[in-house]
Amino acid sequence: MQYWYIAAALFGYLLGSIPFGLIITRIAGLGDIRDVGSGNIGATNVLRTGRKDLALATLLLDSFKAGLAVISICLLSGQHNIGLVAGLFAFLGHCYPVWLGFKGGKGVATYAGLLVFASWQGLVVGLPVWIAVFALTRISSLAAIVTAALVPAGALLLGETPFASLVLFALSLLVLWTHRGNIVRLMQGKESRFGAGQPPE
């Protein structure tokens, strides 16, 4: 059974490491997205190119990485926990792709995709929290940080399994880590808001 976990980790990481934002913008003739704005390969930075369609495509594809990893491994192994491991490593692949010097996205879309396909409890907690915080503040990073902080405990209270809750906790810690620069700017009152110039980092 341990071989399934290893296979799930490798498959999830390789799938998650596909840099859709970079690929899409290059195909569209916009050059290297890493030379734009924050240098991030995620949907928010793609939005800085002015192409909302490309940003949406990046968001959807990045979200589906973890979902596809979870579904594929669950079907092959017959074990939900092994599927969750694949989803966790898809997140790591997105944030730290070996092909790009381990410099990828911040993982919010990929985390959301895992919730959609693997944890309805986490989704029930996370979706309304993200919407509420973003609607009140127009700061996407703050919405992501607050959501990540609340999802693991909230999902567990709604009946999520201990193993899945542990995976969600690990993912939330990673989201906080990838947003450490945003946290500093939030504390300094310097974080950008949507609708006030360029999209925030």
N, C-alpha and C. Protein backbone atom coordinates (compact mmCIF):
# COMPACT_ATOMS: atom_id res chain seq x y z
N MET A 1 0.82 -1.22 0.00
CA MET A 1 0.00 0.00 0.00
C MET A 1 0.85 1.27 0.00
N GLN A 2 2.07 1.17 0.62
CA GLN A 2 2.92 2.35 0.67
C GLN A 2 3.33 2.80 -0.73
N TYR A 3 3.36 1.84 -1.68
CA TYR A 3 3.72 2.21 -3.04
C TYR A 3 2.66 3.11 -3.67
N TRP A 4 1.42 2.91 -3.26
CA TRP A 4 0.35 3.78 -3.75
C TRP A 4 0.57 5.22 -3.30
N TYR A 5 0.99 5.39 -2.07
CA TYR A 5 1.24 6.74 -1.56
C TYR A 5 2.38 7.41 -2.32
N ILE A 6 3.42 6.63 -2.61
CA ILE A 6 4.55 7.19 -3.37
C ILE A 6 4.10 7.56 -4.79
N ALA A 7 3.34 6.66 -5.41
CA ALA A 7 2.85 6.93 -6.77
C ALA A 7 1.92 8.14 -6.78
N ALA A 8 1.08 8.24 -5.75
CA ALA A 8 0.15 9.37 -5.66
C ALA A 8 0.90 10.69 -5.51
N ALA A 9 1.94 10.66 -4.69
CA ALA A 9 2.74 11.87 -4.48
C ALA A 9 3.42 12.31 -5.77
N LEU A 10 4.03 11.36 -6.49
CA LEU A 10 4.71 11.69 -7.73
C LEU A 10 3.75 12.19 -8.80
N PHE A 11 2.63 11.48 -8.95
CA PHE A 11 1.64 11.87 -9.95
C PHE A 11 1.07 13.25 -9.63
N GLY A 12 0.71 13.45 -8.36
CA GLY A 12 0.15 14.73 -7.96
C GLY A 12 1.12 15.88 -8.17
N TYR A 13 2.39 15.66 -7.80
CA TYR A 13 3.38 16.71 -7.96
C TYR A 13 3.59 17.07 -9.43
N LEU A 14 3.74 16.06 -10.28
CA LEU A 14 3.98 16.32 -11.70
C LEU A 14 2.78 17.02 -12.35
N LEU A 15 1.58 16.60 -11.98
CA LEU A 15 0.39 17.25 -12.52
C LEU A 15 0.30 18.69 -12.02
N GLY A 16 0.53 18.88 -10.74
CA GLY A 16 0.44 20.22 -10.18
C GLY A 16 1.50 21.17 -10.69
N SER A 17 2.63 20.63 -11.13
CA SER A 17 3.74 21.48 -11.56
C SER A 17 3.58 22.00 -12.99
N ILE A 18 2.52 21.60 -13.68
CA ILE A 18 2.28 22.14 -15.03
C ILE A 18 1.95 23.63 -14.90
N PRO A 19 2.77 24.53 -15.44
CA PRO A 19 2.57 25.97 -15.25
C PRO A 19 1.59 26.55 -16.28
N PHE A 20 0.30 26.33 -16.06
CA PHE A 20 -0.69 26.74 -17.04
C PHE A 20 -0.65 28.24 -17.33
N GLY A 21 -0.44 29.05 -16.31
CA GLY A 21 -0.39 30.50 -16.53
C GLY A 21 0.72 30.88 -17.49
N LEU A 22 1.88 30.26 -17.32
CA LEU A 22 3.02 30.52 -18.20
C LEU A 22 2.75 30.02 -19.61
N ILE A 23 2.19 28.83 -19.72
CA ILE A 23 1.92 28.23 -21.03
C ILE A 23 0.87 29.04 -21.79
N ILE A 24 -0.21 29.39 -21.12
CA ILE A 24 -1.31 30.11 -21.77
C ILE A 24 -0.87 31.47 -22.27
N THR A 25 -0.14 32.20 -21.46
CA THR A 25 0.28 33.55 -21.87
C THR A 25 1.30 33.49 -23.00
N ARG A 26 2.13 32.48 -23.02
CA ARG A 26 3.10 32.34 -24.12
C ARG A 26 2.38 31.99 -25.42
N ILE A 27 1.42 31.09 -25.34
CA ILE A 27 0.65 30.74 -26.53
C ILE A 27 -0.08 31.96 -27.08
N ALA A 28 -0.54 32.81 -26.16
CA ALA A 28 -1.27 34.02 -26.56
C ALA A 28 -0.34 35.11 -27.08
N GLY A 29 0.96 34.87 -27.05
CA GLY A 29 1.91 35.85 -27.56
C GLY A 29 2.23 36.97 -26.60
N LEU A 30 2.03 36.72 -25.30
CA LEU A 30 2.25 37.77 -24.30
C LEU A 30 3.60 37.65 -23.61
N GLY A 31 4.43 36.74 -24.07
CA GLY A 31 5.74 36.59 -23.48
C GLY A 31 5.72 35.78 -22.20
N ASP A 32 6.69 36.05 -21.34
CA ASP A 32 6.86 35.31 -20.09
C ASP A 32 6.13 36.04 -18.97
N ILE A 33 5.11 35.39 -18.40
CA ILE A 33 4.32 36.01 -17.34
C ILE A 33 5.17 36.33 -16.12
N ARG A 34 6.30 35.65 -15.99
CA ARG A 34 7.19 35.92 -14.85
C ARG A 34 7.87 37.28 -14.94
N ASP A 35 7.79 37.91 -16.11
CA ASP A 35 8.33 39.26 -16.28
C ASP A 35 7.29 40.33 -16.03
N VAL A 36 6.09 39.91 -15.63
CA VAL A 36 4.98 40.84 -15.42
C VAL A 36 4.64 40.92 -13.93
N GLY A 37 4.36 42.12 -13.45
CA GLY A 37 3.87 42.30 -12.08
C GLY A 37 4.71 41.63 -11.03
N SER A 38 4.07 40.73 -10.26
CA SER A 38 4.75 40.06 -9.16
C SER A 38 5.67 38.93 -9.62
N GLY A 39 5.58 38.56 -10.91
CA GLY A 39 6.38 37.46 -11.41
C GLY A 39 5.76 36.10 -11.14
N ASN A 40 4.57 36.10 -10.56
CA ASN A 40 3.86 34.88 -10.22
C ASN A 40 3.22 34.27 -11.47
N ILE A 41 3.03 32.95 -11.48
CA ILE A 41 2.44 32.29 -12.65
C ILE A 41 0.94 32.05 -12.47
N GLY A 42 0.36 32.55 -11.39
CA GLY A 42 -1.05 32.32 -11.10
C GLY A 42 -1.99 33.25 -11.84
N ALA A 43 -3.29 33.01 -11.65
CA ALA A 43 -4.32 33.76 -12.38
C ALA A 43 -4.31 35.25 -12.08
N THR A 44 -4.03 35.62 -10.82
CA THR A 44 -4.03 37.04 -10.46
C THR A 44 -2.98 37.81 -11.25
N ASN A 45 -1.80 37.22 -11.42
CA ASN A 45 -0.76 37.90 -12.18
C ASN A 45 -1.08 37.90 -13.67
N VAL A 46 -1.70 36.82 -14.15
CA VAL A 46 -2.12 36.79 -15.56
C VAL A 46 -3.11 37.91 -15.83
N LEU A 47 -3.93 38.23 -14.83
CA LEU A 47 -4.89 39.33 -14.98
C LEU A 47 -4.20 40.66 -15.24
N ARG A 48 -2.98 40.79 -14.78
CA ARG A 48 -2.23 42.03 -14.99
C ARG A 48 -1.92 42.28 -16.48
N THR A 49 -2.02 41.25 -17.30
CA THR A 49 -1.80 41.44 -18.73
C THR A 49 -2.99 42.13 -19.39
N GLY A 50 -4.10 42.23 -18.66
CA GLY A 50 -5.31 42.81 -19.21
C GLY A 50 -6.21 41.81 -19.89
N ARG A 51 -5.82 40.55 -19.91
CA ARG A 51 -6.60 39.49 -20.56
C ARG A 51 -7.39 38.71 -19.51
N LYS A 52 -8.62 39.12 -19.30
CA LYS A 52 -9.46 38.44 -18.31
C LYS A 52 -9.77 37.01 -18.71
N ASP A 53 -9.87 36.77 -20.02
CA ASP A 53 -10.15 35.41 -20.49
C ASP A 53 -9.01 34.46 -20.16
N LEU A 54 -7.77 34.94 -20.32
CA LEU A 54 -6.62 34.11 -20.00
C LEU A 54 -6.50 33.90 -18.49
N ALA A 55 -6.83 34.92 -17.73
CA ALA A 55 -6.80 34.79 -16.26
C ALA A 55 -7.82 33.76 -15.80
N LEU A 56 -9.01 33.79 -16.40
CA LEU A 56 -10.05 32.83 -16.04
C LEU A 56 -9.64 31.42 -16.42
N ALA A 57 -9.06 31.26 -17.60
CA ALA A 57 -8.59 29.94 -18.03
C ALA A 57 -7.52 29.41 -17.09
N THR A 58 -6.61 30.28 -16.67
CA THR A 58 -5.56 29.89 -15.73
C THR A 58 -6.16 29.47 -14.40
N LEU A 59 -7.12 30.24 -13.93
CA LEU A 59 -7.79 29.94 -12.66
C LEU A 59 -8.44 28.56 -12.70
N LEU A 60 -9.17 28.28 -13.77
CA LEU A 60 -9.89 27.01 -13.88
C LEU A 60 -8.93 25.84 -13.99
N LEU A 61 -7.89 25.99 -14.82
CA LEU A 61 -6.93 24.91 -15.01
C LEU A 61 -6.12 24.65 -13.73
N ASP A 62 -5.71 25.71 -13.05
CA ASP A 62 -4.98 25.54 -11.80
C ASP A 62 -5.86 24.90 -10.74
N SER A 63 -7.14 25.23 -10.74
CA SER A 63 -8.08 24.64 -9.79
C SER A 63 -8.26 23.15 -10.04
N PHE A 64 -8.26 22.78 -11.33
CA PHE A 64 -8.54 21.40 -11.68
C PHE A 64 -7.35 20.47 -11.43
N LYS A 65 -6.16 21.04 -11.24
CA LYS A 65 -4.98 20.20 -11.00
C LYS A 65 -5.19 19.24 -9.83
N ALA A 66 -5.52 19.80 -8.68
CA ALA A 66 -5.70 18.97 -7.49
C ALA A 66 -6.91 18.07 -7.63
N GLY A 67 -7.98 18.60 -8.24
CA GLY A 67 -9.18 17.80 -8.42
C GLY A 67 -8.93 16.57 -9.27
N LEU A 68 -8.22 16.75 -10.38
CA LEU A 68 -7.90 15.63 -11.26
C LEU A 68 -6.98 14.63 -10.57
N ALA A 69 -6.03 15.15 -9.80
CA ALA A 69 -5.12 14.26 -9.07
C ALA A 69 -5.89 13.40 -8.08
N VAL A 70 -6.79 14.03 -7.33
CA VAL A 70 -7.58 13.29 -6.34
C VAL A 70 -8.47 12.25 -7.01
N ILE A 71 -9.22 12.65 -8.02
CA ILE A 71 -10.15 11.73 -8.69
C ILE A 71 -9.40 10.56 -9.31
N SER A 72 -8.32 10.83 -10.01
CA SER A 72 -7.57 9.78 -10.70
C SER A 72 -7.05 8.73 -9.73
N ILE A 73 -6.40 9.20 -8.67
CA ILE A 73 -5.81 8.27 -7.72
C ILE A 73 -6.88 7.55 -6.90
N CYS A 74 -7.96 8.23 -6.58
CA CYS A 74 -9.06 7.56 -5.87
C CYS A 74 -9.62 6.41 -6.70
N LEU A 75 -9.81 6.65 -7.99
CA LEU A 75 -10.36 5.61 -8.86
C LEU A 75 -9.39 4.46 -9.03
N LEU A 76 -8.10 4.76 -9.13
CA LEU A 76 -7.11 3.71 -9.36
C LEU A 76 -6.82 2.90 -8.10
N SER A 77 -6.76 3.58 -6.97
CA SER A 77 -6.39 2.90 -5.73
C SER A 77 -7.58 2.45 -4.90
N GLY A 78 -8.72 3.11 -5.12
CA GLY A 78 -9.90 2.81 -4.32
C GLY A 78 -9.82 3.37 -2.92
N GLN A 79 -8.86 4.28 -2.67
CA GLN A 79 -8.65 4.83 -1.33
C GLN A 79 -8.71 6.37 -1.38
N HIS A 80 -9.66 6.93 -0.65
CA HIS A 80 -9.81 8.39 -0.63
C HIS A 80 -8.59 9.06 -0.03
N ASN A 81 -8.03 8.46 1.01
CA ASN A 81 -6.86 9.07 1.66
C ASN A 81 -5.68 9.18 0.71
N ILE A 82 -5.49 8.15 -0.12
CA ILE A 82 -4.39 8.20 -1.09
C ILE A 82 -4.66 9.28 -2.13
N GLY A 83 -5.92 9.46 -2.51
CA GLY A 83 -6.28 10.54 -3.41
C GLY A 83 -5.97 11.90 -2.81
N LEU A 84 -6.20 12.05 -1.51
CA LEU A 84 -5.89 13.31 -0.83
C LEU A 84 -4.39 13.61 -0.85
N VAL A 85 -3.59 12.56 -0.73
CA VAL A 85 -2.14 12.74 -0.81
C VAL A 85 -1.75 13.27 -2.19
N ALA A 86 -2.40 12.74 -3.23
CA ALA A 86 -2.14 13.23 -4.59
C ALA A 86 -2.53 14.70 -4.70
N GLY A 87 -3.65 15.08 -4.10
CA GLY A 87 -4.07 16.47 -4.13
C GLY A 87 -3.11 17.39 -3.39
N LEU A 88 -2.62 16.92 -2.26
CA LEU A 88 -1.64 17.70 -1.49
C LEU A 88 -0.38 17.94 -2.30
N PHE A 89 0.10 16.91 -2.98
CA PHE A 89 1.33 17.06 -3.76
C PHE A 89 1.09 17.84 -5.06
N ALA A 90 -0.16 17.86 -5.55
CA ALA A 90 -0.47 18.72 -6.68
C ALA A 90 -0.33 20.19 -6.26
N PHE A 91 -0.75 20.48 -5.06
CA PHE A 91 -0.57 21.83 -4.50
C PHE A 91 0.91 22.18 -4.42
N LEU A 92 1.71 21.25 -3.89
CA LEU A 92 3.14 21.50 -3.78
C LEU A 92 3.78 21.69 -5.15
N GLY A 93 3.32 20.89 -6.13
CA GLY A 93 3.85 21.02 -7.48
C GLY A 93 3.53 22.38 -8.08
N HIS A 94 2.32 22.87 -7.80
CA HIS A 94 1.94 24.19 -8.31
C HIS A 94 2.79 25.29 -7.68
N CYS A 95 2.99 25.21 -6.39
CA CYS A 95 3.74 26.27 -5.70
C CYS A 95 5.24 26.17 -5.93
N TYR A 96 5.74 24.94 -6.10
CA TYR A 96 7.18 24.73 -6.22
C TYR A 96 7.50 23.79 -7.39
N PRO A 97 7.23 24.22 -8.62
CA PRO A 97 7.49 23.37 -9.79
C PRO A 97 8.99 23.25 -10.08
N VAL A 98 9.45 22.02 -10.22
CA VAL A 98 10.87 21.80 -10.45
C VAL A 98 11.32 22.44 -11.76
N TRP A 99 10.41 22.51 -12.74
CA TRP A 99 10.77 23.06 -14.06
C TRP A 99 11.06 24.55 -14.02
N LEU A 100 10.55 25.24 -13.00
CA LEU A 100 10.70 26.70 -12.93
C LEU A 100 11.53 27.12 -11.74
N GLY A 101 12.47 26.26 -11.35
CA GLY A 101 13.33 26.61 -10.22
C GLY A 101 12.58 26.67 -8.91
N PHE A 102 11.51 25.89 -8.80
CA PHE A 102 10.68 25.82 -7.59
C PHE A 102 10.01 27.15 -7.26
N LYS A 103 9.75 27.96 -8.29
CA LYS A 103 9.05 29.23 -8.10
C LYS A 103 7.75 29.21 -8.90
N GLY A 104 6.65 28.96 -8.21
CA GLY A 104 5.36 28.84 -8.87
C GLY A 104 4.32 29.81 -8.34
N GLY A 105 3.08 29.32 -8.24
CA GLY A 105 2.00 30.16 -7.76
C GLY A 105 1.83 30.06 -6.26
N LYS A 106 0.78 30.71 -5.76
CA LYS A 106 0.54 30.74 -4.31
C LYS A 106 -0.43 29.67 -3.85
N GLY A 107 -1.06 28.97 -4.79
CA GLY A 107 -1.80 27.77 -4.45
C GLY A 107 -3.26 27.90 -4.09
N VAL A 108 -3.80 29.11 -4.10
CA VAL A 108 -5.19 29.29 -3.67
C VAL A 108 -6.16 28.56 -4.59
N ALA A 109 -5.99 28.72 -5.89
CA ALA A 109 -6.90 28.06 -6.84
C ALA A 109 -6.78 26.54 -6.75
N THR A 110 -5.55 26.05 -6.58
CA THR A 110 -5.34 24.61 -6.49
C THR A 110 -5.96 24.05 -5.21
N TYR A 111 -5.84 24.78 -4.12
CA TYR A 111 -6.47 24.40 -2.86
C TYR A 111 -7.99 24.36 -3.03
N ALA A 112 -8.53 25.37 -3.69
CA ALA A 112 -9.98 25.42 -3.92
C ALA A 112 -10.44 24.21 -4.73
N GLY A 113 -9.65 23.84 -5.74
CA GLY A 113 -10.00 22.68 -6.55
C GLY A 113 -10.03 21.40 -5.74
N LEU A 114 -9.11 21.26 -4.79
CA LEU A 114 -9.11 20.09 -3.94
C LEU A 114 -10.38 20.05 -3.09
N LEU A 115 -10.80 21.20 -2.56
CA LEU A 115 -12.01 21.23 -1.75
C LEU A 115 -13.23 20.83 -2.57
N VAL A 116 -13.31 21.32 -3.80
CA VAL A 116 -14.46 21.01 -4.66
C VAL A 116 -14.59 19.51 -4.88
N PHE A 117 -13.46 18.84 -5.13
CA PHE A 117 -13.50 17.43 -5.50
C PHE A 117 -13.28 16.46 -4.35
N ALA A 118 -12.79 16.96 -3.22
CA ALA A 118 -12.40 16.01 -2.17
C ALA A 118 -12.95 16.31 -0.79
N SER A 119 -13.48 17.50 -0.53
CA SER A 119 -13.96 17.81 0.81
C SER A 119 -15.11 18.81 0.74
N TRP A 120 -16.33 18.28 0.71
CA TRP A 120 -17.48 19.18 0.67
C TRP A 120 -17.57 19.98 1.96
N GLN A 121 -17.09 19.39 3.06
CA GLN A 121 -17.11 20.12 4.33
C GLN A 121 -16.22 21.36 4.27
N GLY A 122 -15.02 21.17 3.71
CA GLY A 122 -14.11 22.30 3.57
C GLY A 122 -14.65 23.35 2.63
N LEU A 123 -15.33 22.90 1.57
CA LEU A 123 -15.91 23.84 0.60
C LEU A 123 -17.05 24.63 1.22
N VAL A 124 -17.87 23.96 2.02
CA VAL A 124 -19.01 24.64 2.68
C VAL A 124 -18.51 25.74 3.63
N VAL A 125 -17.38 25.49 4.26
CA VAL A 125 -16.79 26.51 5.13
C VAL A 125 -16.08 27.58 4.32
N GLY A 126 -15.24 27.14 3.38
CA GLY A 126 -14.34 28.06 2.69
C GLY A 126 -15.01 29.02 1.73
N LEU A 127 -15.95 28.54 0.93
CA LEU A 127 -16.54 29.39 -0.10
C LEU A 127 -17.24 30.62 0.47
N PRO A 128 -18.16 30.47 1.43
CA PRO A 128 -18.82 31.67 1.96
C PRO A 128 -17.87 32.61 2.70
N VAL A 129 -16.85 32.03 3.37
CA VAL A 129 -15.88 32.88 4.07
C VAL A 129 -15.11 33.72 3.08
N TRP A 130 -14.62 33.08 1.99
CA TRP A 130 -13.85 33.84 0.99
C TRP A 130 -14.71 34.94 0.37
N ILE A 131 -15.94 34.60 0.01
CA ILE A 131 -16.83 35.58 -0.62
C ILE A 131 -17.10 36.74 0.33
N ALA A 132 -17.37 36.44 1.59
CA ALA A 132 -17.71 37.48 2.56
C ALA A 132 -16.53 38.42 2.81
N VAL A 133 -15.33 37.84 3.02
CA VAL A 133 -14.16 38.67 3.30
C VAL A 133 -13.78 39.50 2.09
N PHE A 134 -13.84 38.90 0.90
CA PHE A 134 -13.49 39.66 -0.30
C PHE A 134 -14.52 40.76 -0.58
N ALA A 135 -15.80 40.47 -0.37
CA ALA A 135 -16.85 41.46 -0.60
C ALA A 135 -16.69 42.65 0.34
N LEU A 136 -16.27 42.38 1.56
CA LEU A 136 -16.12 43.45 2.55
C LEU A 136 -14.84 44.26 2.37
N THR A 137 -13.77 43.61 1.93
CA THR A 137 -12.47 44.28 1.89
C THR A 137 -11.92 44.53 0.49
N ARG A 138 -12.35 43.73 -0.49
CA ARG A 138 -11.81 43.76 -1.86
C ARG A 138 -10.32 43.42 -1.88
N ILE A 139 -9.88 42.67 -0.89
CA ILE A 139 -8.47 42.25 -0.82
C ILE A 139 -8.44 40.73 -0.95
N SER A 140 -8.00 40.23 -2.09
CA SER A 140 -8.03 38.79 -2.35
C SER A 140 -7.11 38.02 -1.42
N SER A 141 -5.95 38.58 -1.12
CA SER A 141 -5.01 37.87 -0.24
C SER A 141 -5.59 37.71 1.16
N LEU A 142 -6.26 38.72 1.66
CA LEU A 142 -6.88 38.63 2.99
C LEU A 142 -7.97 37.57 2.99
N ALA A 143 -8.75 37.53 1.93
CA ALA A 143 -9.80 36.51 1.82
C ALA A 143 -9.20 35.12 1.83
N ALA A 144 -8.09 34.94 1.11
CA ALA A 144 -7.43 33.64 1.06
C ALA A 144 -6.86 33.25 2.41
N ILE A 145 -6.25 34.21 3.10
CA ILE A 145 -5.62 33.94 4.40
C ILE A 145 -6.66 33.57 5.45
N VAL A 146 -7.74 34.34 5.52
CA VAL A 146 -8.79 34.07 6.50
C VAL A 146 -9.45 32.72 6.21
N THR A 147 -9.70 32.46 4.94
CA THR A 147 -10.32 31.19 4.55
C THR A 147 -9.43 30.02 4.92
N ALA A 148 -8.16 30.12 4.59
CA ALA A 148 -7.22 29.04 4.91
C ALA A 148 -7.16 28.79 6.41
N ALA A 149 -7.24 29.85 7.20
CA ALA A 149 -7.17 29.71 8.65
C ALA A 149 -8.39 28.99 9.23
N LEU A 150 -9.54 29.14 8.58
CA LEU A 150 -10.79 28.60 9.14
C LEU A 150 -11.19 27.24 8.58
N VAL A 151 -10.74 26.91 7.39
CA VAL A 151 -11.21 25.69 6.73
C VAL A 151 -10.92 24.40 7.49
N PRO A 152 -9.70 24.14 7.96
CA PRO A 152 -9.44 22.84 8.59
C PRO A 152 -10.33 22.55 9.80
N ALA A 153 -10.40 23.48 10.72
CA ALA A 153 -11.22 23.28 11.93
C ALA A 153 -12.70 23.22 11.57
N GLY A 154 -13.11 24.10 10.66
CA GLY A 154 -14.51 24.11 10.24
C GLY A 154 -14.92 22.81 9.59
N ALA A 155 -14.06 22.28 8.73
CA ALA A 155 -14.36 21.02 8.05
C ALA A 155 -14.45 19.88 9.05
N LEU A 156 -13.54 19.86 10.03
CA LEU A 156 -13.55 18.81 11.05
C LEU A 156 -14.84 18.87 11.86
N LEU A 157 -15.28 20.07 12.20
CA LEU A 157 -16.53 20.22 12.96
C LEU A 157 -17.75 19.74 12.16
N LEU A 158 -17.66 19.83 10.83
CA LEU A 158 -18.76 19.38 9.98
C LEU A 158 -18.69 17.89 9.66
N GLY A 159 -17.72 17.21 10.24
CA GLY A 159 -17.66 15.76 10.07
C GLY A 159 -16.59 15.24 9.14
N GLU A 160 -15.69 16.10 8.70
CA GLU A 160 -14.59 15.64 7.84
C GLU A 160 -13.72 14.66 8.64
N THR A 161 -13.11 13.72 7.94
CA THR A 161 -12.28 12.72 8.61
C THR A 161 -11.02 13.36 9.18
N PRO A 162 -10.46 12.76 10.24
CA PRO A 162 -9.22 13.31 10.80
C PRO A 162 -8.08 13.39 9.79
N PHE A 163 -7.94 12.36 8.94
CA PHE A 163 -6.85 12.38 7.95
C PHE A 163 -7.03 13.52 6.97
N ALA A 164 -8.25 13.69 6.45
CA ALA A 164 -8.52 14.77 5.50
C ALA A 164 -8.33 16.12 6.17
N SER A 165 -8.76 16.24 7.41
CA SER A 165 -8.59 17.50 8.14
C SER A 165 -7.11 17.82 8.33
N LEU A 166 -6.30 16.78 8.54
CA LEU A 166 -4.86 16.98 8.67
C LEU A 166 -4.27 17.48 7.36
N VAL A 167 -4.73 16.91 6.25
CA VAL A 167 -4.26 17.37 4.93
C VAL A 167 -4.66 18.83 4.72
N LEU A 168 -5.89 19.17 5.07
CA LEU A 168 -6.36 20.55 4.93
C LEU A 168 -5.54 21.49 5.81
N PHE A 169 -5.20 21.03 6.99
CA PHE A 169 -4.38 21.85 7.89
C PHE A 169 -3.01 22.11 7.27
N ALA A 170 -2.40 21.07 6.70
CA ALA A 170 -1.10 21.23 6.05
C ALA A 170 -1.19 22.20 4.87
N LEU A 171 -2.26 22.08 4.08
CA LEU A 171 -2.45 22.98 2.95
C LEU A 171 -2.65 24.42 3.41
N SER A 172 -3.39 24.59 4.49
CA SER A 172 -3.62 25.94 5.00
C SER A 172 -2.33 26.58 5.50
N LEU A 173 -1.50 25.80 6.16
CA LEU A 173 -0.20 26.32 6.59
C LEU A 173 0.63 26.75 5.39
N LEU A 174 0.58 25.96 4.33
CA LEU A 174 1.34 26.29 3.13
C LEU A 174 0.80 27.56 2.47
N VAL A 175 -0.53 27.73 2.47
CA VAL A 175 -1.12 28.96 1.92
C VAL A 175 -0.65 30.17 2.72
N LEU A 176 -0.62 30.05 4.03
CA LEU A 176 -0.13 31.15 4.86
C LEU A 176 1.33 31.44 4.54
N TRP A 177 2.11 30.40 4.30
CA TRP A 177 3.53 30.59 3.98
C TRP A 177 3.70 31.28 2.63
N THR A 178 2.96 30.85 1.62
CA THR A 178 3.10 31.46 0.30
C THR A 178 2.58 32.90 0.30
N HIS A 179 1.76 33.25 1.29
CA HIS A 179 1.23 34.61 1.39
C HIS A 179 1.95 35.44 2.46
N ARG A 180 3.12 35.00 2.87
CA ARG A 180 3.82 35.72 3.95
C ARG A 180 4.12 37.17 3.58
N GLY A 181 4.43 37.41 2.31
CA GLY A 181 4.67 38.79 1.88
C GLY A 181 3.39 39.61 1.95
N ASN A 182 2.27 38.99 1.59
CA ASN A 182 0.98 39.68 1.67
C ASN A 182 0.62 39.99 3.12
N ILE A 183 0.96 39.06 4.02
CA ILE A 183 0.67 39.27 5.44
C ILE A 183 1.42 40.49 5.96
N VAL A 184 2.68 40.62 5.54
CA VAL A 184 3.48 41.78 5.96
C VAL A 184 2.84 43.07 5.44
N ARG A 185 2.43 43.07 4.18
CA ARG A 185 1.82 44.28 3.61
C ARG A 185 0.48 44.58 4.27
N LEU A 186 -0.27 43.55 4.62
CA LEU A 186 -1.54 43.77 5.33
C LEU A 186 -1.29 44.42 6.68
N MET A 187 -0.29 43.97 7.38
CA MET A 187 0.04 44.54 8.69
C MET A 187 0.52 45.99 8.57
N GLN A 188 1.12 46.29 7.43
CA GLN A 188 1.61 47.65 7.18
C GLN A 188 0.55 48.54 6.55
N GLY A 189 -0.59 47.96 6.20
CA GLY A 189 -1.66 48.71 5.54
C GLY A 189 -1.35 49.06 4.11
N LYS A 190 -0.48 48.25 3.47
CA LYS A 190 -0.04 48.56 2.11
C LYS A 190 -0.58 47.60 1.05
N GLU A 191 -1.40 46.63 1.45
CA GLU A 191 -1.90 45.65 0.49
C GLU A 191 -2.92 46.28 -0.45
N SER A 192 -2.80 45.99 -1.72
CA SER A 192 -3.69 46.56 -2.73
C SER A 192 -5.06 45.92 -2.69
N ARG A 193 -6.05 46.65 -3.22
CA ARG A 193 -7.41 46.16 -3.32
C ARG A 193 -7.81 46.07 -4.79
N PHE A 194 -8.68 45.12 -5.10
CA PHE A 194 -9.22 45.07 -6.45
C PHE A 194 -10.06 46.32 -6.69
N GLY A 195 -9.94 46.85 -7.91
CA GLY A 195 -10.69 48.05 -8.23
C GLY A 195 -9.92 49.32 -7.92
N ALA A 196 -8.66 49.14 -7.44
CA ALA A 196 -7.84 50.31 -7.11
C ALA A 196 -6.51 50.22 -7.86
N GLY A 197 -6.58 50.16 -9.19
CA GLY A 197 -5.38 50.04 -10.00
C GLY A 197 -5.11 48.60 -10.35
N GLN A 198 -3.85 48.21 -10.30
CA GLN A 198 -3.46 46.86 -10.67
C GLN A 198 -3.97 45.85 -9.67
N PRO A 199 -4.24 44.61 -10.10
CA PRO A 199 -4.63 43.56 -9.17
C PRO A 199 -3.55 43.37 -8.12
N PRO A 200 -3.94 43.03 -6.89
CA PRO A 200 -2.95 42.84 -5.85
C PRO A 200 -2.08 41.63 -6.08
N GLU A 201 -0.94 41.58 -5.42
CA GLU A 201 -0.03 40.45 -5.57
C GLU A 201 -0.55 39.27 -4.76
